[in-house]
N, C-alpha and C. Protein backbone atom coordinates (compact mmCIF):
# COMPACT_ATOMS: atom_id res chain seq x y z
N MET A 1 -8.34 23.13 -17.82
CA MET A 1 -8.65 21.79 -17.39
C MET A 1 -8.44 20.80 -18.53
N LYS A 2 -8.77 21.25 -19.78
CA LYS A 2 -8.56 20.39 -20.93
C LYS A 2 -7.08 20.06 -21.10
N LEU A 3 -6.24 21.05 -20.85
CA LEU A 3 -4.81 20.87 -21.02
C LEU A 3 -4.26 19.83 -20.06
N LEU A 4 -4.77 19.81 -18.83
CA LEU A 4 -4.33 18.84 -17.84
C LEU A 4 -4.67 17.42 -18.29
N GLY A 5 -5.85 17.21 -18.84
CA GLY A 5 -6.25 15.89 -19.31
C GLY A 5 -5.39 15.43 -20.47
N ILE A 6 -5.08 16.34 -21.40
CA ILE A 6 -4.26 15.99 -22.55
C ILE A 6 -2.84 15.68 -22.11
N SER A 7 -2.30 16.46 -21.17
CA SER A 7 -0.93 16.21 -20.73
C SER A 7 -0.84 14.89 -19.96
N ASN A 8 -1.86 14.53 -19.19
CA ASN A 8 -1.84 13.25 -18.50
C ASN A 8 -1.90 12.10 -19.50
N PHE A 9 -2.70 12.25 -20.55
CA PHE A 9 -2.77 11.22 -21.58
C PHE A 9 -1.44 11.08 -22.29
N ALA A 10 -0.81 12.21 -22.62
CA ALA A 10 0.49 12.17 -23.30
C ALA A 10 1.54 11.53 -22.41
N LEU A 11 1.52 11.81 -21.13
CA LEU A 11 2.47 11.20 -20.21
C LEU A 11 2.26 9.69 -20.13
N ALA A 12 1.01 9.25 -20.11
CA ALA A 12 0.72 7.82 -20.06
C ALA A 12 1.21 7.12 -21.32
N VAL A 13 1.04 7.75 -22.47
CA VAL A 13 1.50 7.16 -23.73
C VAL A 13 3.01 7.07 -23.75
N ILE A 14 3.69 8.12 -23.29
CA ILE A 14 5.15 8.11 -23.28
C ILE A 14 5.68 7.05 -22.33
N LEU A 15 5.06 6.91 -21.18
CA LEU A 15 5.53 5.92 -20.21
C LEU A 15 5.23 4.49 -20.66
N ALA A 16 4.18 4.30 -21.45
CA ALA A 16 3.82 2.96 -21.90
C ALA A 16 4.59 2.54 -23.14
N THR A 17 5.24 3.45 -23.82
CA THR A 17 5.92 3.14 -25.07
C THR A 17 7.01 2.08 -24.92
N PRO A 18 7.88 2.11 -23.90
CA PRO A 18 8.89 1.05 -23.79
C PRO A 18 8.27 -0.33 -23.61
N ALA A 19 7.17 -0.44 -22.92
CA ALA A 19 6.53 -1.74 -22.74
C ALA A 19 5.97 -2.26 -24.05
N VAL A 20 5.44 -1.39 -24.85
CA VAL A 20 4.91 -1.80 -26.16
C VAL A 20 6.05 -2.19 -27.08
N ALA A 21 7.15 -1.47 -27.03
CA ALA A 21 8.28 -1.77 -27.91
C ALA A 21 8.90 -3.12 -27.58
N ASP A 22 8.90 -3.51 -26.31
CA ASP A 22 9.53 -4.76 -25.90
C ASP A 22 8.56 -5.94 -25.91
N ALA A 23 7.31 -5.72 -26.30
CA ALA A 23 6.32 -6.79 -26.30
C ALA A 23 6.63 -7.87 -27.32
N SER A 24 7.50 -7.59 -28.30
CA SER A 24 7.82 -8.56 -29.34
C SER A 24 8.84 -9.59 -28.86
N GLY A 25 9.38 -9.43 -27.70
CA GLY A 25 10.32 -10.41 -27.18
C GLY A 25 11.76 -9.95 -27.28
N GLY A 26 12.03 -8.74 -27.59
CA GLY A 26 13.40 -8.24 -27.62
C GLY A 26 13.80 -7.77 -28.99
N TYR A 27 15.10 -7.65 -29.18
CA TYR A 27 15.63 -7.08 -30.42
C TYR A 27 16.38 -8.14 -31.23
N SER A 28 15.93 -9.34 -31.22
CA SER A 28 16.65 -10.40 -31.93
C SER A 28 16.05 -10.73 -33.29
N HIS A 29 15.20 -9.88 -33.81
CA HIS A 29 14.59 -10.15 -35.10
C HIS A 29 15.57 -9.82 -36.23
N PRO A 30 15.76 -10.73 -37.17
CA PRO A 30 16.73 -10.47 -38.25
C PRO A 30 16.28 -9.37 -39.20
N HIS A 31 14.98 -9.13 -39.32
CA HIS A 31 14.51 -8.10 -40.25
C HIS A 31 14.61 -6.70 -39.65
N MET A 32 15.09 -6.60 -38.44
CA MET A 32 15.19 -5.30 -37.81
C MET A 32 16.29 -4.46 -38.45
N TYR A 33 17.35 -5.08 -38.87
CA TYR A 33 18.47 -4.38 -39.48
C TYR A 33 18.43 -4.58 -40.99
N ALA A 34 18.67 -3.49 -41.72
CA ALA A 34 18.67 -3.60 -43.18
C ALA A 34 19.92 -4.36 -43.63
N GLU A 35 19.81 -4.97 -44.79
CA GLU A 35 20.93 -5.78 -45.28
C GLU A 35 22.15 -4.94 -45.60
N HIS A 36 21.95 -3.69 -46.03
CA HIS A 36 23.08 -2.86 -46.43
C HIS A 36 23.43 -1.81 -45.40
N GLY A 37 22.89 -1.89 -44.21
CA GLY A 37 23.24 -0.98 -43.15
C GLY A 37 22.45 0.32 -43.12
N PHE A 38 21.49 0.49 -44.01
CA PHE A 38 20.72 1.73 -44.02
C PHE A 38 19.82 1.83 -42.78
N GLY A 39 19.41 0.70 -42.25
CA GLY A 39 18.55 0.72 -41.07
C GLY A 39 19.24 1.31 -39.87
N MET A 40 20.53 1.11 -39.77
CA MET A 40 21.28 1.67 -38.65
C MET A 40 21.35 3.19 -38.74
N PHE A 41 21.27 3.74 -39.95
CA PHE A 41 21.31 5.18 -40.13
C PHE A 41 19.91 5.79 -40.11
N LEU A 42 18.98 5.17 -40.81
CA LEU A 42 17.65 5.75 -40.94
C LEU A 42 16.81 5.63 -39.67
N GLY A 43 17.08 4.65 -38.85
CA GLY A 43 16.32 4.50 -37.61
C GLY A 43 16.43 5.71 -36.70
N PRO A 44 17.64 6.12 -36.33
CA PRO A 44 17.79 7.30 -35.49
C PRO A 44 17.30 8.59 -36.16
N VAL A 45 17.51 8.70 -37.47
CA VAL A 45 17.04 9.89 -38.18
C VAL A 45 15.51 9.96 -38.12
N PHE A 46 14.86 8.83 -38.35
CA PHE A 46 13.41 8.79 -38.29
C PHE A 46 12.92 9.13 -36.89
N MET A 47 13.60 8.65 -35.87
CA MET A 47 13.19 8.95 -34.49
C MET A 47 13.33 10.44 -34.19
N LEU A 48 14.39 11.09 -34.70
CA LEU A 48 14.54 12.53 -34.48
C LEU A 48 13.45 13.31 -35.21
N VAL A 49 13.11 12.88 -36.43
CA VAL A 49 12.04 13.54 -37.17
C VAL A 49 10.71 13.35 -36.43
N LEU A 50 10.46 12.16 -35.93
CA LEU A 50 9.24 11.89 -35.19
C LEU A 50 9.18 12.72 -33.91
N LEU A 51 10.29 12.83 -33.21
CA LEU A 51 10.33 13.64 -31.98
C LEU A 51 10.09 15.11 -32.29
N ALA A 52 10.69 15.62 -33.36
CA ALA A 52 10.48 17.02 -33.75
C ALA A 52 9.01 17.26 -34.11
N ALA A 53 8.41 16.32 -34.84
CA ALA A 53 7.00 16.47 -35.20
C ALA A 53 6.11 16.44 -33.96
N LEU A 54 6.46 15.62 -32.99
CA LEU A 54 5.69 15.55 -31.75
C LEU A 54 5.78 16.87 -30.98
N VAL A 55 6.95 17.44 -30.88
CA VAL A 55 7.13 18.70 -30.17
C VAL A 55 6.38 19.82 -30.88
N VAL A 56 6.49 19.89 -32.21
CA VAL A 56 5.78 20.92 -32.97
C VAL A 56 4.27 20.74 -32.81
N GLY A 57 3.80 19.51 -32.82
CA GLY A 57 2.38 19.25 -32.65
C GLY A 57 1.87 19.67 -31.28
N ILE A 58 2.63 19.39 -30.25
CA ILE A 58 2.22 19.77 -28.90
C ILE A 58 2.20 21.29 -28.76
N VAL A 59 3.21 21.97 -29.29
CA VAL A 59 3.24 23.44 -29.22
C VAL A 59 2.06 24.03 -30.00
N ALA A 60 1.77 23.48 -31.18
CA ALA A 60 0.64 23.97 -31.97
C ALA A 60 -0.68 23.74 -31.24
N LEU A 61 -0.81 22.60 -30.59
CA LEU A 61 -2.03 22.30 -29.84
C LEU A 61 -2.21 23.26 -28.68
N ILE A 62 -1.15 23.55 -27.97
CA ILE A 62 -1.24 24.48 -26.84
C ILE A 62 -1.59 25.88 -27.33
N ARG A 63 -0.97 26.31 -28.44
CA ARG A 63 -1.29 27.64 -28.97
C ARG A 63 -2.72 27.69 -29.49
N TRP A 64 -3.21 26.61 -30.04
CA TRP A 64 -4.58 26.57 -30.55
C TRP A 64 -5.58 26.62 -29.41
N MET A 65 -5.26 25.96 -28.30
CA MET A 65 -6.18 25.92 -27.16
C MET A 65 -6.21 27.26 -26.43
N ALA A 66 -5.13 27.98 -26.41
CA ALA A 66 -5.06 29.26 -25.70
C ALA A 66 -4.43 30.32 -26.60
N PRO A 67 -5.16 30.82 -27.60
CA PRO A 67 -4.54 31.74 -28.56
C PRO A 67 -4.17 33.10 -27.97
N ASN A 68 -4.84 33.55 -26.91
CA ASN A 68 -4.55 34.86 -26.34
C ASN A 68 -3.57 34.79 -25.18
N ALA A 69 -3.17 33.60 -24.78
CA ALA A 69 -2.24 33.46 -23.66
C ALA A 69 -0.81 33.68 -24.16
N GLY A 70 0.05 33.96 -23.25
CA GLY A 70 1.46 34.11 -23.59
C GLY A 70 1.91 35.55 -23.47
N PHE A 71 3.06 35.79 -24.05
CA PHE A 71 3.66 37.10 -23.94
C PHE A 71 3.10 38.02 -25.02
N THR A 72 2.83 39.23 -24.62
CA THR A 72 2.43 40.25 -25.59
C THR A 72 3.50 41.31 -25.61
N GLU A 73 3.80 41.78 -26.77
CA GLU A 73 4.87 42.75 -26.92
C GLU A 73 4.34 44.14 -26.64
N GLY A 74 5.03 44.87 -25.81
CA GLY A 74 4.70 46.26 -25.58
C GLY A 74 3.43 46.50 -24.78
N LYS A 75 3.19 45.71 -23.75
CA LYS A 75 2.05 45.98 -22.89
C LYS A 75 2.27 47.32 -22.21
N SER A 76 1.32 48.21 -22.33
CA SER A 76 1.51 49.52 -21.73
C SER A 76 0.19 50.08 -21.25
N ASN A 77 0.28 51.22 -20.64
CA ASN A 77 -0.88 51.91 -20.09
C ASN A 77 -1.57 52.66 -21.22
N SER A 78 -2.82 52.30 -21.51
CA SER A 78 -3.52 52.93 -22.62
C SER A 78 -3.83 54.40 -22.33
N ALA A 79 -4.04 54.76 -21.08
CA ALA A 79 -4.28 56.17 -20.74
C ALA A 79 -3.04 57.00 -21.01
N LEU A 80 -1.88 56.47 -20.67
CA LEU A 80 -0.64 57.19 -20.92
C LEU A 80 -0.38 57.30 -22.42
N ASP A 81 -0.71 56.26 -23.16
CA ASP A 81 -0.56 56.30 -24.61
C ASP A 81 -1.44 57.39 -25.21
N ALA A 82 -2.68 57.49 -24.73
CA ALA A 82 -3.59 58.52 -25.22
C ALA A 82 -3.07 59.91 -24.87
N LEU A 83 -2.53 60.05 -23.67
CA LEU A 83 -1.97 61.34 -23.26
C LEU A 83 -0.78 61.72 -24.14
N ASN A 84 0.10 60.75 -24.38
CA ASN A 84 1.26 61.01 -25.24
C ASN A 84 0.82 61.41 -26.64
N LEU A 85 -0.21 60.78 -27.15
CA LEU A 85 -0.70 61.09 -28.49
C LEU A 85 -1.30 62.50 -28.54
N ARG A 86 -2.06 62.86 -27.51
CA ARG A 86 -2.64 64.21 -27.47
C ARG A 86 -1.55 65.28 -27.40
N PHE A 87 -0.49 64.99 -26.63
CA PHE A 87 0.62 65.95 -26.53
C PHE A 87 1.37 66.04 -27.86
N ALA A 88 1.57 64.90 -28.50
CA ALA A 88 2.27 64.89 -29.79
C ALA A 88 1.47 65.61 -30.86
N ASN A 89 0.16 65.54 -30.80
CA ASN A 89 -0.69 66.21 -31.79
C ASN A 89 -0.89 67.69 -31.49
N GLY A 90 -0.41 68.16 -30.35
CA GLY A 90 -0.52 69.56 -29.99
C GLY A 90 -1.85 69.93 -29.38
N GLU A 91 -2.62 68.97 -28.94
CA GLU A 91 -3.92 69.25 -28.34
C GLU A 91 -3.78 69.82 -26.93
N ILE A 92 -2.69 69.44 -26.25
CA ILE A 92 -2.44 69.96 -24.90
C ILE A 92 -1.03 70.52 -24.85
N ASP A 93 -0.79 71.46 -23.93
CA ASP A 93 0.54 72.05 -23.82
C ASP A 93 1.39 71.26 -22.83
N ALA A 94 2.64 71.65 -22.66
CA ALA A 94 3.60 70.91 -21.83
C ALA A 94 3.19 70.92 -20.36
N LYS A 95 2.64 72.04 -19.88
CA LYS A 95 2.24 72.12 -18.48
C LYS A 95 1.09 71.15 -18.19
N GLU A 96 0.09 71.15 -19.04
CA GLU A 96 -1.05 70.25 -18.85
C GLU A 96 -0.62 68.78 -19.01
N TYR A 97 0.31 68.55 -19.94
CA TYR A 97 0.84 67.20 -20.13
C TYR A 97 1.54 66.70 -18.86
N ALA A 98 2.37 67.55 -18.27
CA ALA A 98 3.11 67.17 -17.06
C ALA A 98 2.15 66.91 -15.90
N GLU A 99 1.11 67.75 -15.77
CA GLU A 99 0.15 67.56 -14.68
C GLU A 99 -0.61 66.24 -14.83
N ARG A 100 -1.07 65.98 -16.02
CA ARG A 100 -1.84 64.74 -16.24
C ARG A 100 -0.97 63.50 -16.12
N LYS A 101 0.27 63.62 -16.57
CA LYS A 101 1.20 62.49 -16.45
C LYS A 101 1.47 62.19 -14.98
N LYS A 102 1.58 63.24 -14.18
CA LYS A 102 1.81 63.07 -12.75
C LYS A 102 0.58 62.38 -12.10
N LEU A 103 -0.61 62.75 -12.54
CA LEU A 103 -1.83 62.11 -12.01
C LEU A 103 -1.91 60.62 -12.38
N LEU A 104 -1.37 60.28 -13.54
CA LEU A 104 -1.38 58.86 -13.97
C LEU A 104 -0.32 58.03 -13.25
N GLY A 105 0.59 58.70 -12.56
CA GLY A 105 1.59 57.96 -11.79
C GLY A 105 2.88 57.70 -12.54
N GLU A 106 3.13 58.44 -13.56
CA GLU A 106 4.37 58.27 -14.33
C GLU A 106 5.38 59.32 -13.97
């Protein structure tokens, strides 16, 4: 439920951003462009860095809120793992291993 509230807030901020950017009356300000042209280069670079930081922040926030969610590597049947370990250690013979494995549904 917390995630839904945060995502709605983020969506509202993203949708309101163009209105805030245009509140100054447009793009006719002379100080918007650098005198030597660096503003034309650094503006898009800064926006890409800001976008990357935003994406990393959102991913980190989601992982922090749900640390146990997501994909786990090698999800398996713990009973079958125990059976395999007992067979590998020589505690049970091949016939007993096959019978128990059949009971587990493998």
